[in-house]
Amino acid sequence: MANCCDSMLKYIVFLFNFCFFITGCLLIGFGAYVQIEMKSYFDFLGTPYLNSSIIFIIIGCVILVVAFFGCCGACTENACMLYTYATLMALILLVEIGLAVTIYVFKGDARKFVSDAMQKGMENYGSDDQYKGVHETWDAIQADFDCCGVESYADWRKVAFGKGGNAPDSCCRTFTEGCGKDVLNMDNATASAHIYTDGCFAKFESMIMGNVAAVAGVGVGVAVFQVLAVIVSCFLAASMRRKDNYV
């Protein structure tokens, strides 16, 4: 009976870590894709958001190492490797909890940072090819979210692109070439008939807050999965060590 339970636990640990290994590979691939293919699209948010792709790659590599210890420990019935795996998994869980607490505590600062970075990115809109990513990203955001500027369409008056009274064509309710020409010189009621006047930051924040519950649910699920992995691995390692002592 004990051997049957040990075998079942061994396969459970192996399955956990196979899924963990796939997750690590996906994170490395996603980080590499962002770093290589989407670098210019983070210009308007600044380097911290670009560096996030490197963080994804590092986390993916750590996950691969942890999964290696878990899989090898389960397959070879090596108690030391399983204890190492459980320790690393527990450390990852503590880091995740620390990051979650940090994000919650500094969410106000993050809000201001993102808003300021978006405002700064507007200053480079339409300037030259070096900031092509900024131009394309702002056009995509404004077209997809039906918004204009950071807080409102009037933000475009504060940057070089809007000094002549022109708003980006991506702000228009009905897109046509040059549809944003002289819109910033109109009064608010007239302008709102031609372009979207709500800011993009509020739309971003609304979208994020609308998904907080789903993200929190996924986070809790992952944390529970990690706790179970630590418990099962320690139990299996202890069983293997007792078996070795009997031999």
Protein backbone atom coordinates (compact mmCIF):
# COMPACT_ATOMS: atom_id res chain seq x y z
CA MET A 1 0.00 0.00 0.00
CA ALA A 2 2.82 2.38 0.94
CA ASN A 3 4.63 1.60 -2.32
CA CYS A 4 1.43 2.33 -4.26
CA CYS A 5 1.03 5.70 -2.53
CA ASP A 6 4.70 6.57 -3.13
CA SER A 7 4.36 5.73 -6.83
CA MET A 8 1.25 7.84 -7.15
CA LEU A 9 2.93 10.80 -5.40
CA LYS A 10 5.96 10.40 -7.63
CA TYR A 11 3.83 10.67 -10.76
CA ILE A 12 1.95 13.65 -9.29
CA VAL A 13 5.22 15.49 -8.59
CA PHE A 14 6.47 14.66 -12.08
CA LEU A 15 3.24 15.94 -13.66
CA PHE A 16 3.38 19.14 -11.59
CA ASN A 17 6.91 19.82 -12.74
CA PHE A 18 6.25 18.94 -16.36
CA CYS A 19 3.59 21.68 -16.36
CA PHE A 20 6.02 23.94 -14.51
CA PHE A 21 8.70 23.24 -17.15
CA ILE A 22 6.31 24.15 -19.99
CA THR A 23 5.41 27.37 -18.15
CA GLY A 24 9.11 28.28 -17.91
CA CYS A 25 9.62 27.70 -21.64
CA LEU A 26 6.60 29.86 -22.46
CA LEU A 27 7.87 32.69 -20.24
CA ILE A 28 11.32 32.59 -21.88
CA GLY A 29 9.75 32.59 -25.34
CA PHE A 30 7.40 35.45 -24.46
CA GLY A 31 10.23 37.52 -22.96
CA ALA A 32 12.43 36.94 -26.01
CA TYR A 33 9.58 37.91 -28.35
CA VAL A 34 8.94 41.16 -26.46
CA GLN A 35 12.65 41.97 -26.32
CA ILE A 36 13.24 41.38 -30.04
CA GLU A 37 9.98 42.18 -31.80
CA MET A 38 8.23 44.75 -29.58
CA LYS A 39 11.09 46.91 -28.29
CA SER A 40 9.97 50.11 -30.01
CA TYR A 41 6.41 49.78 -28.69
CA PHE A 42 7.56 50.36 -25.11
CA ASP A 43 9.24 53.70 -25.89
CA PHE A 44 6.31 55.72 -24.55
CA LEU A 45 6.32 53.84 -21.23
CA GLY A 46 10.07 54.00 -20.69
CA THR A 47 12.82 51.46 -20.06
CA PRO A 48 11.34 49.83 -16.91
CA TYR A 49 8.60 48.30 -19.05
CA LEU A 50 11.09 47.15 -21.66
CA ASN A 51 13.21 45.58 -18.91
CA SER A 52 10.14 43.58 -17.89
CA SER A 53 10.84 41.30 -20.87
CA ILE A 54 14.25 40.47 -19.35
CA ILE A 55 12.52 39.72 -16.04
CA PHE A 56 10.23 37.25 -17.84
CA ILE A 57 13.29 35.49 -19.29
CA ILE A 58 15.02 35.32 -15.90
CA ILE A 59 11.89 33.96 -14.19
CA GLY A 60 11.51 31.39 -16.97
CA CYS A 61 15.10 30.21 -16.47
CA VAL A 62 14.59 29.92 -12.69
CA ILE A 63 11.44 27.89 -13.27
CA LEU A 64 13.34 25.52 -15.58
CA VAL A 65 16.00 24.92 -12.91
CA VAL A 66 13.36 24.30 -10.24
CA ALA A 67 11.40 21.97 -12.54
CA PHE A 68 14.63 20.08 -13.31
CA PHE A 69 15.17 19.31 -9.61
CA GLY A 70 11.55 18.27 -9.19
CA CYS A 71 11.43 15.97 -12.23
CA CYS A 72 14.83 14.40 -11.63
CA GLY A 73 14.15 13.96 -7.94
CA ALA A 74 10.84 12.22 -8.64
CA CYS A 75 12.23 9.99 -11.42
CA THR A 76 15.41 8.96 -9.58
CA GLU A 77 13.70 8.85 -6.16
CA ASN A 78 16.39 11.17 -4.82
CA ALA A 79 15.20 12.66 -1.53
CA CYS A 80 17.91 15.36 -1.52
CA MET A 81 16.82 16.70 -4.92
CA LEU A 82 13.18 16.69 -3.84
CA TYR A 83 14.00 18.67 -0.69
CA THR A 84 15.99 21.11 -2.83
CA TYR A 85 13.02 21.44 -5.17
CA ALA A 86 10.62 22.04 -2.28
CA THR A 87 12.94 24.70 -0.81
CA LEU A 88 13.27 26.53 -4.14
CA MET A 89 9.52 26.35 -4.73
CA ALA A 90 8.87 27.79 -1.26
CA LEU A 91 11.34 30.63 -1.94
CA ILE A 92 9.60 31.43 -5.23
CA LEU A 93 6.27 31.52 -3.43
CA LEU A 94 7.66 33.93 -0.81
CA VAL A 95 9.05 36.18 -3.56
CA GLU A 96 5.68 36.18 -5.31
CA ILE A 97 3.92 37.14 -2.08
CA GLY A 98 6.48 39.91 -1.54
CA LEU A 99 5.94 41.25 -5.06
CA ALA A 100 2.16 41.18 -4.63
CA VAL A 101 2.43 43.15 -1.36
CA THR A 102 4.85 45.64 -2.95
CA ILE A 103 2.56 46.22 -5.92
CA TYR A 104 -0.39 46.79 -3.60
CA VAL A 105 1.53 49.22 -1.35
CA PHE A 106 3.03 51.24 -4.23
CA LYS A 107 0.07 51.12 -6.62
CA GLY A 108 -0.42 54.89 -6.21
CA ASP A 109 3.18 55.59 -7.25
CA ALA A 110 2.83 53.20 -10.18
CA ARG A 111 -0.28 55.05 -11.36
CA LYS A 112 1.58 58.37 -11.37
CA PHE A 113 4.62 56.83 -13.04
CA VAL A 114 2.58 55.37 -15.91
CA SER A 115 0.66 58.61 -16.40
CA ASP A 116 3.87 60.68 -16.47
CA ALA A 117 5.54 58.22 -18.84
CA MET A 118 2.60 58.34 -21.24
CA GLN A 119 2.64 62.14 -21.12
CA LYS A 120 6.35 62.16 -21.86
CA GLY A 121 5.83 59.72 -24.72
CA MET A 122 3.38 62.15 -26.32
CA GLU A 123 6.21 64.65 -26.67
CA ASN A 124 7.93 62.32 -29.14
CA TYR A 125 4.81 61.62 -31.22
CA GLY A 126 5.48 62.26 -34.92
CA SER A 127 8.99 63.60 -34.28
CA ASP A 128 11.22 61.22 -36.29
CA ASP A 129 11.82 57.58 -37.18
CA GLN A 130 13.63 57.01 -33.87
CA TYR A 131 10.25 57.21 -32.11
CA LYS A 132 8.21 55.37 -34.71
CA GLY A 133 7.13 52.89 -32.04
CA VAL A 134 5.69 55.74 -29.94
CA HIS A 135 3.70 57.02 -32.91
CA GLU A 136 2.31 53.60 -33.82
CA THR A 137 1.53 52.67 -30.22
CA TRP A 138 -0.38 55.87 -29.51
CA ASP A 139 -2.36 55.43 -32.73
CA ALA A 140 -3.23 51.85 -31.80
CA ILE A 141 -4.24 52.76 -28.24
CA GLN A 142 -6.42 55.70 -29.25
CA ALA A 143 -8.11 53.75 -32.02
CA ASP A 144 -8.71 50.64 -29.91
CA PHE A 145 -9.89 52.39 -26.74
CA ASP A 146 -11.82 55.24 -28.40
CA CYS A 147 -9.81 57.83 -26.48
CA CYS A 148 -7.46 60.75 -27.05
CA GLY A 149 -4.50 61.91 -24.96
CA VAL A 150 -3.66 60.87 -21.41
CA GLU A 151 -6.25 62.67 -19.28
CA SER A 152 -8.17 64.25 -22.18
CA TYR A 153 -7.74 65.29 -25.81
CA ALA A 154 -6.49 68.70 -24.58
CA ASP A 155 -3.18 67.03 -23.61
CA TRP A 156 -2.18 67.18 -27.26
CA ARG A 157 -2.10 70.99 -27.04
CA LYS A 158 0.84 70.69 -24.61
CA VAL A 159 3.17 68.87 -27.02
CA ALA A 160 4.89 69.86 -30.26
CA PHE A 161 2.59 67.80 -32.49
CA GLY A 162 -0.52 69.70 -31.37
CA LYS A 163 0.88 73.24 -31.32
CA GLY A 164 -0.78 73.99 -34.66
CA GLY A 165 -4.12 72.72 -33.40
CA ASN A 166 -3.94 69.29 -34.99
CA ALA A 167 -4.90 66.13 -33.14
CA PRO A 168 -3.76 62.66 -34.27
CA ASP A 169 -6.10 61.12 -36.84
CA SER A 170 -6.40 58.10 -34.53
CA CYS A 171 -8.50 60.25 -32.17
CA CYS A 172 -11.24 60.66 -34.78
CA ARG A 173 -14.62 59.03 -34.37
CA THR A 174 -14.56 58.23 -38.09
CA PHE A 175 -11.03 57.79 -39.36
CA THR A 176 -10.01 59.55 -42.56
CA GLU A 177 -6.67 61.01 -43.57
CA GLY A 178 -6.29 64.44 -41.97
CA CYS A 179 -9.50 64.16 -39.91
CA GLY A 180 -7.71 65.57 -36.84
CA LYS A 181 -6.65 68.81 -38.56
CA ASP A 182 -7.45 71.98 -36.53
CA VAL A 183 -9.63 70.02 -34.06
CA LEU A 184 -7.73 71.36 -31.04
CA ASN A 185 -8.70 74.91 -32.04
CA MET A 186 -12.42 74.06 -31.74
CA ASP A 187 -14.48 74.41 -28.59
CA ASN A 188 -15.10 71.24 -26.57
CA ALA A 189 -18.63 70.60 -27.92
CA THR A 190 -17.55 70.95 -31.56
CA ALA A 191 -14.39 68.92 -31.03
CA SER A 192 -16.29 66.08 -29.36
CA ALA A 193 -18.39 65.70 -32.50
CA HIS A 194 -15.23 64.95 -34.51
CA ILE A 195 -12.92 63.14 -32.06
CA TYR A 196 -13.03 61.17 -28.82
CA THR A 197 -12.31 63.56 -25.96
CA ASP A 198 -11.88 61.11 -23.05
CA GLY A 199 -8.33 60.34 -21.96
CA CYS A 200 -6.71 56.96 -22.53
CA PHE A 201 -5.32 56.55 -19.02
CA ALA A 202 -8.78 56.32 -17.47
CA LYS A 203 -9.75 53.69 -20.05
CA PHE A 204 -6.58 51.72 -19.21
CA GLU A 205 -7.28 51.91 -15.50
CA SER A 206 -10.89 50.84 -15.98
CA MET A 207 -9.83 47.83 -18.06
CA ILE A 208 -7.21 46.79 -15.48
CA MET A 209 -9.59 47.16 -12.54
CA GLY A 210 -12.19 45.16 -14.41
CA ASN A 211 -9.75 42.24 -14.61
CA VAL A 212 -8.34 42.47 -11.08
CA ALA A 213 -10.65 39.75 -9.77
CA ALA A 214 -9.65 37.34 -12.55
CA VAL A 215 -5.93 38.05 -12.06
CA ALA A 216 -6.26 37.64 -8.28
CA GLY A 217 -8.08 34.35 -8.78
CA VAL A 218 -5.34 33.03 -11.05
CA GLY A 219 -2.69 34.19 -8.57
CA VAL A 220 -4.38 32.41 -5.68
CA GLY A 221 -4.75 29.28 -7.79
CA VAL A 222 -1.05 29.29 -8.67
CA ALA A 223 -0.11 29.86 -5.02
CA VAL A 224 -2.27 26.92 -3.90
CA PHE A 225 -0.68 24.77 -6.62
CA GLN A 226 2.80 25.71 -5.37
CA VAL A 227 1.92 24.98 -1.74
CA LEU A 228 0.60 21.55 -2.73
CA ALA A 229 3.75 20.90 -4.75
CA VAL A 230 5.93 21.73 -1.71
CA ILE A 231 3.86 19.53 0.63
CA VAL A 232 3.70 16.55 -1.73
CA SER A 233 7.42 16.78 -2.52
CA CYS A 234 8.41 16.92 1.16
CA PHE A 235 6.11 14.00 1.96
CA LEU A 236 7.53 11.95 -0.91
CA ALA A 237 11.13 12.84 0.01
CA ALA A 238 10.54 11.83 3.64
CA SER A 239 9.03 8.53 2.50
CA MET A 240 12.03 7.84 0.25
CA ARG A 241 14.45 8.65 3.05
CA ARG A 242 12.66 6.25 5.43
CA LYS A 243 12.77 3.56 2.75
CA ASP A 244 16.55 4.07 2.33
CA ASN A 245 17.05 3.76 6.08
CA TYR A 246 15.27 0.39 6.10
CA VAL A 247 17.44 -0.99 3.31
